[in-house]
């Protein structure tokens, strides 16, 4: 048994004999970085698809670095997006975003313009 296998066994890691030393070291590092039992780590505790039905659909999100003075524009999301840390906004929703964030998401193909044409 190698030193890495001994260390993994002490940490309670189930070792697959097909793993390389590099993979085994990654598993050890991952286990050591995880919080101890009973401790809460917000990054690890997020539900897979959190939804907040209380948030109005066209309400600008707060976690996207929005400057209160920056002009907003409506965009239609093409992919599920986390505009707030723990709140998933599903694809197809129309949300108001700061102009710079809207341009960034449109250029990445994650959103489309949802504003009306002049005269509508």
C-alpha atoms as a PDB file:
ATOM      1  CA  UNK A   1       0.000   0.000   0.000  1.00  0.00           C
ATOM      2  CA  UNK A   2       1.442   3.379  -1.050  1.00  0.00           C
ATOM      3  CA  UNK A   3       1.606   6.437   1.169  1.00  0.00           C
ATOM      4  CA  UNK A   4      -1.202   8.040  -0.827  1.00  0.00           C
ATOM      5  CA  UNK A   5      -3.414   4.954  -0.399  1.00  0.00           C
ATOM      6  CA  UNK A   6      -2.715   4.988   3.367  1.00  0.00           C
ATOM      7  CA  UNK A   7      -3.604   8.674   3.592  1.00  0.00           C
ATOM      8  CA  UNK A   8      -6.782   8.087   1.588  1.00  0.00           C
ATOM      9  CA  UNK A   9      -7.780   5.204   3.858  1.00  0.00           C
ATOM     10  CA  UNK A  10      -7.264   7.402   6.943  1.00  0.00           C
ATOM     11  CA  UNK A  11      -9.553  10.020   5.390  1.00  0.00           C
ATOM     12  CA  UNK A  12     -12.209   7.429   4.582  1.00  0.00           C
ATOM     13  CA  UNK A  13     -11.830   7.692   0.817  1.00  0.00           C
ATOM     14  CA  UNK A  14     -12.872   4.618  -1.146  1.00  0.00           C
ATOM     15  CA  UNK A  15      -9.902   4.015  -3.435  1.00  0.00           C
ATOM     16  CA  UNK A  16     -10.384   2.619  -6.907  1.00  0.00           C
ATOM     17  CA  UNK A  17      -7.311   0.553  -7.820  1.00  0.00           C
ATOM     18  CA  UNK A  18      -7.481   1.968 -11.377  1.00  0.00           C
ATOM     19  CA  UNK A  19      -6.801   5.518 -10.118  1.00  0.00           C
ATOM     20  CA  UNK A  20      -3.448   7.069 -10.891  1.00  0.00           C
ATOM     21  CA  UNK A  21      -1.444   8.753  -8.125  1.00  0.00           C
ATOM     22  CA  UNK A  22      -2.542  12.115  -9.546  1.00  0.00           C
ATOM     23  CA  UNK A  23      -6.244  11.206  -9.292  1.00  0.00           C
ATOM     24  CA  UNK A  24      -5.761   9.829  -5.793  1.00  0.00           C
ATOM     25  CA  UNK A  25      -4.045  13.067  -4.743  1.00  0.00           C
ATOM     26  CA  UNK A  26      -6.985  15.060  -6.199  1.00  0.00           C
ATOM     27  CA  UNK A  27      -9.448  13.013  -4.128  1.00  0.00           C
ATOM     28  CA  UNK A  28      -7.357  13.544  -0.991  1.00  0.00           C
ATOM     29  CA  UNK A  29      -7.124  17.297  -1.651  1.00  0.00           C
ATOM     30  CA  UNK A  30     -10.874  17.499  -2.291  1.00  0.00           C
ATOM     31  CA  UNK A  31     -11.616  15.684   0.979  1.00  0.00           C
ATOM     32  CA  UNK A  32      -9.239  17.893   2.941  1.00  0.00           C
ATOM     33  CA  UNK A  33     -10.800  21.047   1.462  1.00  0.00           C
ATOM     34  CA  UNK A  34     -14.349  19.961   2.351  1.00  0.00           C
ATOM     35  CA  UNK A  35     -15.817  21.327   5.604  1.00  0.00           C
ATOM     36  CA  UNK A  36     -15.941  19.042   8.625  1.00  0.00           C
ATOM     37  CA  UNK A  37     -19.225  17.286   9.362  1.00  0.00           C
ATOM     38  CA  UNK A  38     -21.746  19.655  10.895  1.00  0.00           C
ATOM     39  CA  UNK A  39     -20.089  22.761   9.476  1.00  0.00           C
ATOM     40  CA  UNK A  40     -21.942  24.641   6.818  1.00  0.00           C
ATOM     41  CA  UNK A  41     -20.200  25.707   3.626  1.00  0.00           C
ATOM     42  CA  UNK A  42     -22.529  27.932   1.547  1.00  0.00           C
ATOM     43  CA  UNK A  43     -20.869  26.901  -1.731  1.00  0.00           C
ATOM     44  CA  UNK A  44     -21.481  23.210  -1.017  1.00  0.00           C
ATOM     45  CA  UNK A  45     -24.961  23.561   0.465  1.00  0.00           C
ATOM     46  CA  UNK A  46     -26.711  25.135  -2.544  1.00  0.00           C
ATOM     47  CA  UNK A  47     -29.670  23.189  -3.855  1.00  0.00           C
ATOM     48  CA  UNK A  48     -29.396  22.093  -7.478  1.00  0.00           C
ATOM     49  CA  UNK A  49     -32.283  24.237  -8.748  1.00  0.00           C
ATOM     50  CA  UNK A  50     -33.300  26.890  -6.243  1.00  0.00           C
ATOM     51  CA  UNK A  51     -36.283  28.946  -7.253  1.00  0.00           C
ATOM     52  CA  UNK A  52     -37.600  32.026  -5.508  1.00  0.00           C
ATOM     53  CA  UNK A  53     -41.218  32.578  -6.591  1.00  0.00           C
ATOM     54  CA  UNK A  54     -41.381  35.724  -4.438  1.00  0.00           C
ATOM     55  CA  UNK A  55     -38.991  37.603  -6.745  1.00  0.00           C
ATOM     56  CA  UNK A  56     -40.881  39.621  -9.354  1.00  0.00           C
ATOM     57  CA  UNK A  57     -40.005  38.575 -12.900  1.00  0.00           C
ATOM     58  CA  UNK A  58     -38.822  41.959 -14.154  1.00  0.00           C
ATOM     59  CA  UNK A  59     -37.118  43.002 -10.929  1.00  0.00           C
ATOM     60  CA  UNK A  60     -33.390  43.722 -11.477  1.00  0.00           C
ATOM     61  CA  UNK A  61     -31.201  41.268  -9.586  1.00  0.00           C
ATOM     62  CA  UNK A  62     -28.804  42.495  -6.909  1.00  0.00           C
ATOM     63  CA  UNK A  63     -25.857  40.072  -7.143  1.00  0.00           C
ATOM     64  CA  UNK A  64     -24.829  40.967 -10.688  1.00  0.00           C
ATOM     65  CA  UNK A  65     -22.824  44.053  -9.801  1.00  0.00           C
ATOM     66  CA  UNK A  66     -25.585  46.459 -10.747  1.00  0.00           C
ATOM     67  CA  UNK A  67     -24.795  50.129 -10.343  1.00  0.00           C
ATOM     68  CA  UNK A  68     -28.003  51.869  -9.266  1.00  0.00           C
ATOM     69  CA  UNK A  69     -27.335  54.740 -11.680  1.00  0.00           C
ATOM     70  CA  UNK A  70     -26.741  52.492 -14.698  1.00  0.00           C
ATOM     71  CA  UNK A  71     -29.559  52.292 -17.203  1.00  0.00           C
ATOM     72  CA  UNK A  72     -31.304  48.923 -17.491  1.00  0.00           C
ATOM     73  CA  UNK A  73     -32.747  47.138 -20.482  1.00  0.00           C
ATOM     74  CA  UNK A  74     -34.973  44.065 -20.796  1.00  0.00           C
ATOM     75  CA  UNK A  75     -33.426  40.844 -22.103  1.00  0.00           C
ATOM     76  CA  UNK A  76     -34.854  37.367 -22.658  1.00  0.00           C
ATOM     77  CA  UNK A  77     -32.690  34.667 -21.075  1.00  0.00           C
ATOM     78  CA  UNK A  78     -31.760  31.828 -23.441  1.00  0.00           C
ATOM     79  CA  UNK A  79     -30.322  29.653 -20.655  1.00  0.00           C
ATOM     80  CA  UNK A  80     -31.124  29.151 -16.974  1.00  0.00           C
ATOM     81  CA  UNK A  81     -29.118  31.805 -15.155  1.00  0.00           C
ATOM     82  CA  UNK A  82     -28.246  32.561 -11.547  1.00  0.00           C
ATOM     83  CA  UNK A  83     -28.612  36.338 -11.386  1.00  0.00           C
ATOM     84  CA  UNK A  84     -28.683  36.116  -7.592  1.00  0.00           C
ATOM     85  CA  UNK A  85     -26.483  33.746  -5.624  1.00  0.00           C
ATOM     86  CA  UNK A  86     -29.152  31.171  -4.721  1.00  0.00           C
ATOM     87  CA  UNK A  87     -31.933  31.964  -7.180  1.00  0.00           C
ATOM     88  CA  UNK A  88     -32.218  30.288 -10.579  1.00  0.00           C
ATOM     89  CA  UNK A  89     -33.911  32.371 -13.254  1.00  0.00           C
ATOM     90  CA  UNK A  90     -35.201  29.944 -15.903  1.00  0.00           C
ATOM     91  CA  UNK A  91     -34.594  30.303 -19.631  1.00  0.00           C
ATOM     92  CA  UNK A  92     -37.335  32.243 -21.394  1.00  0.00           C
ATOM     93  CA  UNK A  93     -37.778  34.796 -18.601  1.00  0.00           C
ATOM     94  CA  UNK A  94     -37.548  38.480 -19.475  1.00  0.00           C
ATOM     95  CA  UNK A  95     -35.516  40.419 -16.911  1.00  0.00           C
ATOM     96  CA  UNK A  96     -34.176  43.953 -16.637  1.00  0.00           C
ATOM     97  CA  UNK A  97     -30.380  44.024 -16.498  1.00  0.00           C
ATOM     98  CA  UNK A  98     -27.837  46.836 -16.395  1.00  0.00           C
ATOM     99  CA  UNK A  99     -26.918  47.791 -19.951  1.00  0.00           C
ATOM    100  CA  UNK A 100     -23.308  46.564 -19.605  1.00  0.00           C
ATOM    101  CA  UNK A 101     -24.399  43.166 -18.208  1.00  0.00           C
ATOM    102  CA  UNK A 102     -27.098  42.851 -20.898  1.00  0.00           C
ATOM    103  CA  UNK A 103     -24.544  43.519 -23.652  1.00  0.00           C
ATOM    104  CA  UNK A 104     -22.167  40.975 -22.133  1.00  0.00           C
ATOM    105  CA  UNK A 105     -24.833  38.248 -21.933  1.00  0.00           C
ATOM    106  CA  UNK A 106     -26.082  38.964 -25.474  1.00  0.00           C
ATOM    107  CA  UNK A 107     -22.539  38.778 -26.880  1.00  0.00           C
ATOM    108  CA  UNK A 108     -22.027  35.435 -25.086  1.00  0.00           C
ATOM    109  CA  UNK A 109     -25.256  34.072 -26.586  1.00  0.00           C
ATOM    110  CA  UNK A 110     -26.883  33.685 -23.171  1.00  0.00           C
ATOM    111  CA  UNK A 111     -29.619  36.284 -23.736  1.00  0.00           C
ATOM    112  CA  UNK A 112     -31.468  38.119 -26.509  1.00  0.00           C
ATOM    113  CA  UNK A 113     -32.836  41.641 -26.713  1.00  0.00           C
ATOM    114  CA  UNK A 114     -36.384  41.932 -25.458  1.00  0.00           C
ATOM    115  CA  UNK A 115     -36.979  45.644 -25.891  1.00  0.00           C
ATOM    116  CA  UNK A 116     -39.713  46.945 -28.146  1.00  0.00           C
ATOM    117  CA  UNK A 117     -39.052  48.499 -31.498  1.00  0.00           C
ATOM    118  CA  UNK A 118     -39.485  52.293 -31.649  1.00  0.00           C
ATOM    119  CA  UNK A 119     -43.116  53.223 -32.163  1.00  0.00           C
ATOM    120  CA  UNK A 120     -44.600  50.158 -30.443  1.00  0.00           C
END
